[in-house]
Amino acid sequence: MRRPITLLIFVMVLSMFSCKQNPAETPEHKAMVEEHKAMEASHDAMSKEHDAMQDDHQKMIDAHKGIENDSIHMAMENQHGAILSKHAELMEAHQALIAKHAELETKHGTGDMTLEEMTAEHASMKSEHETMEKEHQKIKEDHERITQEDERMMEEDKEKEDQ
């Protein structure tokens, strides 16, 4: 009689542990992983655009070298430099957010965090990411506006020289 009871207890304990779902296999965790991939792709795109902005800034500086003491062009360079600095800070903050999000994935995947905790923290990070994307878009628009304005001014300067 002792053996069937031991076997029954073993089966019950085994079934309790086997019914516990791996947190990394939940639909919520898998969705979070996919959103993390999207955040990384967004960061890569931001990084490429930042590199392009830096290239544009260098072109602007090079184009202004032939202009003597033109305070308007210097002010334009300063504005553009400030935009680049602001964008660099945004890129650093976004990279930190991605690292924090990766840590969230790990904590939840190993069971160190409940689904509710993960969901709440993820929602906060997702909101922060969306805010950063909006800020990136605004900086990008400011960059384009200044670049176009500088090109227009350079064209006007060239027309004056040709006259």
C-alpha atoms as a PDB file:
ATOM      1  CA  MET A   1       0.000   0.000   0.000  1.00  0.00           C
ATOM      2  CA  ARG A   2       2.907   2.350   0.664  1.00  0.00           C
ATOM      3  CA  ARG A   3       4.218   2.117  -2.882  1.00  0.00           C
ATOM      4  CA  PRO A   4       0.979   3.284  -4.660  1.00  0.00           C
ATOM      5  CA  ILE A   5       0.733   6.283  -2.313  1.00  0.00           C
ATOM      6  CA  THR A   6       4.356   7.230  -2.986  1.00  0.00           C
ATOM      7  CA  LEU A   7       3.757   6.857  -6.695  1.00  0.00           C
ATOM      8  CA  LEU A   8       0.595   8.974  -6.477  1.00  0.00           C
ATOM      9  CA  ILE A   9       2.423  11.731  -4.593  1.00  0.00           C
ATOM     10  CA  PHE A  10       5.281  11.639  -7.116  1.00  0.00           C
ATOM     11  CA  VAL A  11       2.829  11.973 -10.027  1.00  0.00           C
ATOM     12  CA  MET A  12       1.030  14.868  -8.327  1.00  0.00           C
ATOM     13  CA  VAL A  13       4.290  16.734  -7.631  1.00  0.00           C
ATOM     14  CA  LEU A  14       5.525  16.080 -11.150  1.00  0.00           C
ATOM     15  CA  SER A  15       2.296  17.357 -12.676  1.00  0.00           C
ATOM     16  CA  MET A  16       2.404  20.527 -10.549  1.00  0.00           C
ATOM     17  CA  PHE A  17       5.877  21.384 -11.801  1.00  0.00           C
ATOM     18  CA  SER A  18       5.212  20.409 -15.380  1.00  0.00           C
ATOM     19  CA  CYS A  19       2.130  22.625 -15.561  1.00  0.00           C
ATOM     20  CA  LYS A  20       4.141  25.721 -14.643  1.00  0.00           C
ATOM     21  CA  GLN A  21       4.745  27.600 -17.889  1.00  0.00           C
ATOM     22  CA  ASN A  22       8.174  28.918 -18.788  1.00  0.00           C
ATOM     23  CA  PRO A  23       7.842  32.746 -18.629  1.00  0.00           C
ATOM     24  CA  ALA A  24       9.874  33.078 -21.821  1.00  0.00           C
ATOM     25  CA  GLU A  25       7.279  31.010 -23.676  1.00  0.00           C
ATOM     26  CA  THR A  26       4.301  33.210 -22.842  1.00  0.00           C
ATOM     27  CA  PRO A  27       2.705  35.195 -25.669  1.00  0.00           C
ATOM     28  CA  GLU A  28       3.350  38.415 -23.737  1.00  0.00           C
ATOM     29  CA  HIS A  29       7.064  37.681 -23.447  1.00  0.00           C
ATOM     30  CA  LYS A  30       7.329  36.757 -27.117  1.00  0.00           C
ATOM     31  CA  ALA A  31       5.547  39.995 -28.064  1.00  0.00           C
ATOM     32  CA  MET A  32       7.967  41.939 -25.866  1.00  0.00           C
ATOM     33  CA  VAL A  33      10.923  40.274 -27.609  1.00  0.00           C
ATOM     34  CA  GLU A  34       9.518  41.292 -30.994  1.00  0.00           C
ATOM     35  CA  GLU A  35       9.047  44.866 -29.808  1.00  0.00           C
ATOM     36  CA  HIS A  36      12.643  44.835 -28.568  1.00  0.00           C
ATOM     37  CA  LYS A  37      13.776  43.878 -32.064  1.00  0.00           C
ATOM     38  CA  ALA A  38      11.736  46.781 -33.435  1.00  0.00           C
ATOM     39  CA  MET A  39      13.374  49.135 -30.907  1.00  0.00           C
ATOM     40  CA  GLU A  40      16.812  47.971 -32.039  1.00  0.00           C
ATOM     41  CA  ALA A  41      15.874  48.473 -35.700  1.00  0.00           C
ATOM     42  CA  SER A  42      14.603  51.948 -34.871  1.00  0.00           C
ATOM     43  CA  HIS A  43      17.878  52.711 -33.109  1.00  0.00           C
ATOM     44  CA  ASP A  44      19.870  51.507 -36.119  1.00  0.00           C
ATOM     45  CA  ALA A  45      17.848  53.823 -38.366  1.00  0.00           C
ATOM     46  CA  MET A  46      18.399  56.725 -35.948  1.00  0.00           C
ATOM     47  CA  SER A  47      22.110  55.971 -35.919  1.00  0.00           C
ATOM     48  CA  LYS A  48      22.339  56.029 -39.716  1.00  0.00           C
ATOM     49  CA  GLU A  49      20.449  59.313 -39.822  1.00  0.00           C
ATOM     50  CA  HIS A  50      22.758  60.725 -37.162  1.00  0.00           C
ATOM     51  CA  ASP A  51      25.776  59.779 -39.271  1.00  0.00           C
ATOM     52  CA  ALA A  52      24.181  61.513 -42.255  1.00  0.00           C
ATOM     53  CA  MET A  53      23.546  64.605 -40.139  1.00  0.00           C
ATOM     54  CA  GLN A  54      27.196  64.663 -39.106  1.00  0.00           C
ATOM     55  CA  ASP A  55      28.244  64.367 -42.753  1.00  0.00           C
ATOM     56  CA  ASP A  56      25.935  67.258 -43.648  1.00  0.00           C
ATOM     57  CA  HIS A  57      27.438  69.305 -40.827  1.00  0.00           C
ATOM     58  CA  GLN A  58      30.959  68.709 -42.114  1.00  0.00           C
ATOM     59  CA  LYS A  59      29.865  69.667 -45.640  1.00  0.00           C
ATOM     60  CA  MET A  60      28.345  72.837 -44.230  1.00  0.00           C
ATOM     61  CA  ILE A  61      31.554  73.720 -42.408  1.00  0.00           C
ATOM     62  CA  ASP A  62      33.634  72.998 -45.524  1.00  0.00           C
ATOM     63  CA  ALA A  63      31.323  75.132 -47.689  1.00  0.00           C
ATOM     64  CA  HIS A  64      31.586  78.024 -45.238  1.00  0.00           C
ATOM     65  CA  LYS A  65      35.390  78.039 -45.233  1.00  0.00           C
ATOM     66  CA  GLY A  66      35.470  80.317 -48.267  1.00  0.00           C
ATOM     67  CA  ILE A  67      33.221  82.889 -46.597  1.00  0.00           C
ATOM     68  CA  GLU A  68      35.015  85.511 -44.546  1.00  0.00           C
ATOM     69  CA  ASN A  69      33.526  86.521 -41.202  1.00  0.00           C
ATOM     70  CA  ASP A  70      29.945  85.800 -42.144  1.00  0.00           C
ATOM     71  CA  SER A  71      28.123  85.785 -38.837  1.00  0.00           C
ATOM     72  CA  ILE A  72      24.912  84.459 -40.387  1.00  0.00           C
ATOM     73  CA  HIS A  73      26.651  81.327 -41.656  1.00  0.00           C
ATOM     74  CA  MET A  74      28.482  80.901 -38.355  1.00  0.00           C
ATOM     75  CA  ALA A  75      25.182  81.128 -36.499  1.00  0.00           C
ATOM     76  CA  MET A  76      23.799  78.489 -38.859  1.00  0.00           C
ATOM     77  CA  GLU A  77      26.736  76.181 -38.076  1.00  0.00           C
ATOM     78  CA  ASN A  78      26.182  76.732 -34.359  1.00  0.00           C
ATOM     79  CA  GLN A  79      22.478  75.911 -34.637  1.00  0.00           C
ATOM     80  CA  HIS A  80      23.280  72.803 -36.614  1.00  0.00           C
ATOM     81  CA  GLY A  81      25.937  71.786 -34.089  1.00  0.00           C
ATOM     82  CA  ALA A  82      23.429  72.199 -31.265  1.00  0.00           C
ATOM     83  CA  ILE A  83      20.984  69.946 -33.099  1.00  0.00           C
ATOM     84  CA  LEU A  84      23.690  67.320 -33.524  1.00  0.00           C
ATOM     85  CA  SER A  85      24.518  67.473 -29.807  1.00  0.00           C
ATOM     86  CA  LYS A  86      20.875  67.128 -28.874  1.00  0.00           C
ATOM     87  CA  HIS A  87      20.539  64.171 -31.230  1.00  0.00           C
ATOM     88  CA  ALA A  88      23.662  62.518 -29.799  1.00  0.00           C
ATOM     89  CA  GLU A  89      22.161  62.803 -26.305  1.00  0.00           C
ATOM     90  CA  LEU A  90      18.936  61.273 -27.583  1.00  0.00           C
ATOM     91  CA  MET A  91      20.884  58.410 -29.153  1.00  0.00           C
ATOM     92  CA  GLU A  92      22.653  57.716 -25.838  1.00  0.00           C
ATOM     93  CA  ALA A  93      19.363  57.764 -23.915  1.00  0.00           C
ATOM     94  CA  HIS A  94      17.771  55.460 -26.472  1.00  0.00           C
ATOM     95  CA  GLN A  95      20.697  53.040 -26.244  1.00  0.00           C
ATOM     96  CA  ALA A  96      20.309  53.006 -22.447  1.00  0.00           C
ATOM     97  CA  LEU A  97      16.596  52.292 -22.855  1.00  0.00           C
ATOM     98  CA  ILE A  98      17.357  49.349 -25.140  1.00  0.00           C
ATOM     99  CA  ALA A  99      19.797  47.960 -22.556  1.00  0.00           C
ATOM    100  CA  LYS A 100      17.198  48.392 -19.815  1.00  0.00           C
ATOM    101  CA  HIS A 101      14.634  46.628 -22.014  1.00  0.00           C
ATOM    102  CA  ALA A 102      17.035  43.727 -22.622  1.00  0.00           C
ATOM    103  CA  GLU A 103      17.457  43.414 -18.865  1.00  0.00           C
ATOM    104  CA  LEU A 104      13.668  43.329 -18.499  1.00  0.00           C
ATOM    105  CA  GLU A 105      13.500  40.479 -21.004  1.00  0.00           C
ATOM    106  CA  THR A 106      16.121  38.540 -19.073  1.00  0.00           C
ATOM    107  CA  LYS A 107      14.465  39.098 -15.686  1.00  0.00           C
ATOM    108  CA  HIS A 108      11.102  37.961 -16.957  1.00  0.00           C
ATOM    109  CA  GLY A 109      12.520  35.066 -18.961  1.00  0.00           C
ATOM    110  CA  THR A 110      14.290  33.667 -15.904  1.00  0.00           C
ATOM    111  CA  GLY A 111      11.244  34.090 -13.679  1.00  0.00           C
ATOM    112  CA  ASP A 112      12.780  36.877 -11.574  1.00  0.00           C
ATOM    113  CA  MET A 113       9.841  39.095 -12.471  1.00  0.00           C
ATOM    114  CA  THR A 114       6.131  38.384 -12.649  1.00  0.00           C
ATOM    115  CA  LEU A 115       4.084  38.827 -15.788  1.00  0.00           C
ATOM    116  CA  GLU A 116       2.299  41.790 -14.215  1.00  0.00           C
ATOM    117  CA  GLU A 117       5.562  43.503 -13.282  1.00  0.00           C
ATOM    118  CA  MET A 118       6.991  42.861 -16.734  1.00  0.00           C
ATOM    119  CA  THR A 119       3.859  44.150 -18.453  1.00  0.00           C
ATOM    120  CA  ALA A 120       3.825  47.374 -16.425  1.00  0.00           C
ATOM    121  CA  GLU A 121       7.535  48.054 -16.871  1.00  0.00           C
ATOM    122  CA  HIS A 122       7.358  47.217 -20.570  1.00  0.00           C
ATOM    123  CA  ALA A 123       4.450  49.626 -21.086  1.00  0.00           C
ATOM    124  CA  SER A 124       6.493  52.385 -19.442  1.00  0.00           C
ATOM    125  CA  MET A 125       9.519  51.635 -21.621  1.00  0.00           C
ATOM    126  CA  LYS A 126       7.396  51.447 -24.744  1.00  0.00           C
ATOM    127  CA  SER A 127       5.969  54.887 -23.978  1.00  0.00           C
ATOM    128  CA  GLU A 128       9.471  56.250 -23.395  1.00  0.00           C
ATOM    129  CA  HIS A 129      10.603  54.752 -26.712  1.00  0.00           C
ATOM    130  CA  GLU A 130       7.698  56.354 -28.568  1.00  0.00           C
ATOM    131  CA  THR A 131       8.530  59.721 -26.990  1.00  0.00           C
ATOM    132  CA  MET A 132      12.136  59.336 -28.121  1.00  0.00           C
ATOM    133  CA  GLU A 133      11.028  58.478 -31.658  1.00  0.00           C
ATOM    134  CA  LYS A 134       8.930  61.667 -31.744  1.00  0.00           C
ATOM    135  CA  GLU A 135      11.894  63.694 -30.471  1.00  0.00           C
ATOM    136  CA  HIS A 136      14.096  62.101 -33.131  1.00  0.00           C
ATOM    137  CA  GLN A 137      11.584  63.070 -35.821  1.00  0.00           C
ATOM    138  CA  LYS A 138      11.506  66.681 -34.558  1.00  0.00           C
ATOM    139  CA  ILE A 139      15.312  66.859 -34.522  1.00  0.00           C
ATOM    140  CA  LYS A 140      15.414  65.395 -38.030  1.00  0.00           C
ATOM    141  CA  GLU A 141      12.955  68.032 -39.254  1.00  0.00           C
ATOM    142  CA  ASP A 142      14.978  70.819 -37.599  1.00  0.00           C
ATOM    143  CA  HIS A 143      18.118  69.458 -39.255  1.00  0.00           C
ATOM    144  CA  GLU A 144      16.453  69.406 -42.670  1.00  0.00           C
ATOM    145  CA  ARG A 145      15.117  72.929 -42.197  1.00  0.00           C
ATOM    146  CA  ILE A 146      18.524  74.324 -41.266  1.00  0.00           C
ATOM    147  CA  THR A 147      20.260  72.419 -44.068  1.00  0.00           C
ATOM    148  CA  GLN A 148      17.790  73.762 -46.642  1.00  0.00           C
ATOM    149  CA  GLU A 149      18.093  77.267 -45.242  1.00  0.00           C
ATOM    150  CA  ASP A 150      21.880  77.082 -45.409  1.00  0.00           C
ATOM    151  CA  GLU A 151      21.794  75.788 -48.996  1.00  0.00           C
ATOM    152  CA  ARG A 152      19.461  78.643 -49.950  1.00  0.00           C
ATOM    153  CA  MET A 153      21.775  81.173 -48.329  1.00  0.00           C
ATOM    154  CA  MET A 154      24.818  79.673 -50.057  1.00  0.00           C
ATOM    155  CA  GLU A 155      23.027  79.885 -53.398  1.00  0.00           C
ATOM    156  CA  GLU A 156      22.161  83.545 -52.744  1.00  0.00           C
ATOM    157  CA  ASP A 157      25.794  84.248 -51.852  1.00  0.00           C
ATOM    158  CA  LYS A 158      26.935  82.617 -55.072  1.00  0.00           C
ATOM    159  CA  GLU A 159      24.475  84.675 -57.128  1.00  0.00           C
ATOM    160  CA  LYS A 160      25.802  87.866 -55.495  1.00  0.00           C
ATOM    161  CA  GLU A 161      29.362  86.871 -56.353  1.00  0.00           C
ATOM    162  CA  ASP A 162      28.424  86.161 -59.980  1.00  0.00           C
ATOM    163  CA  GLN A 163      26.932  89.614 -60.438  1.00  0.00           C
END
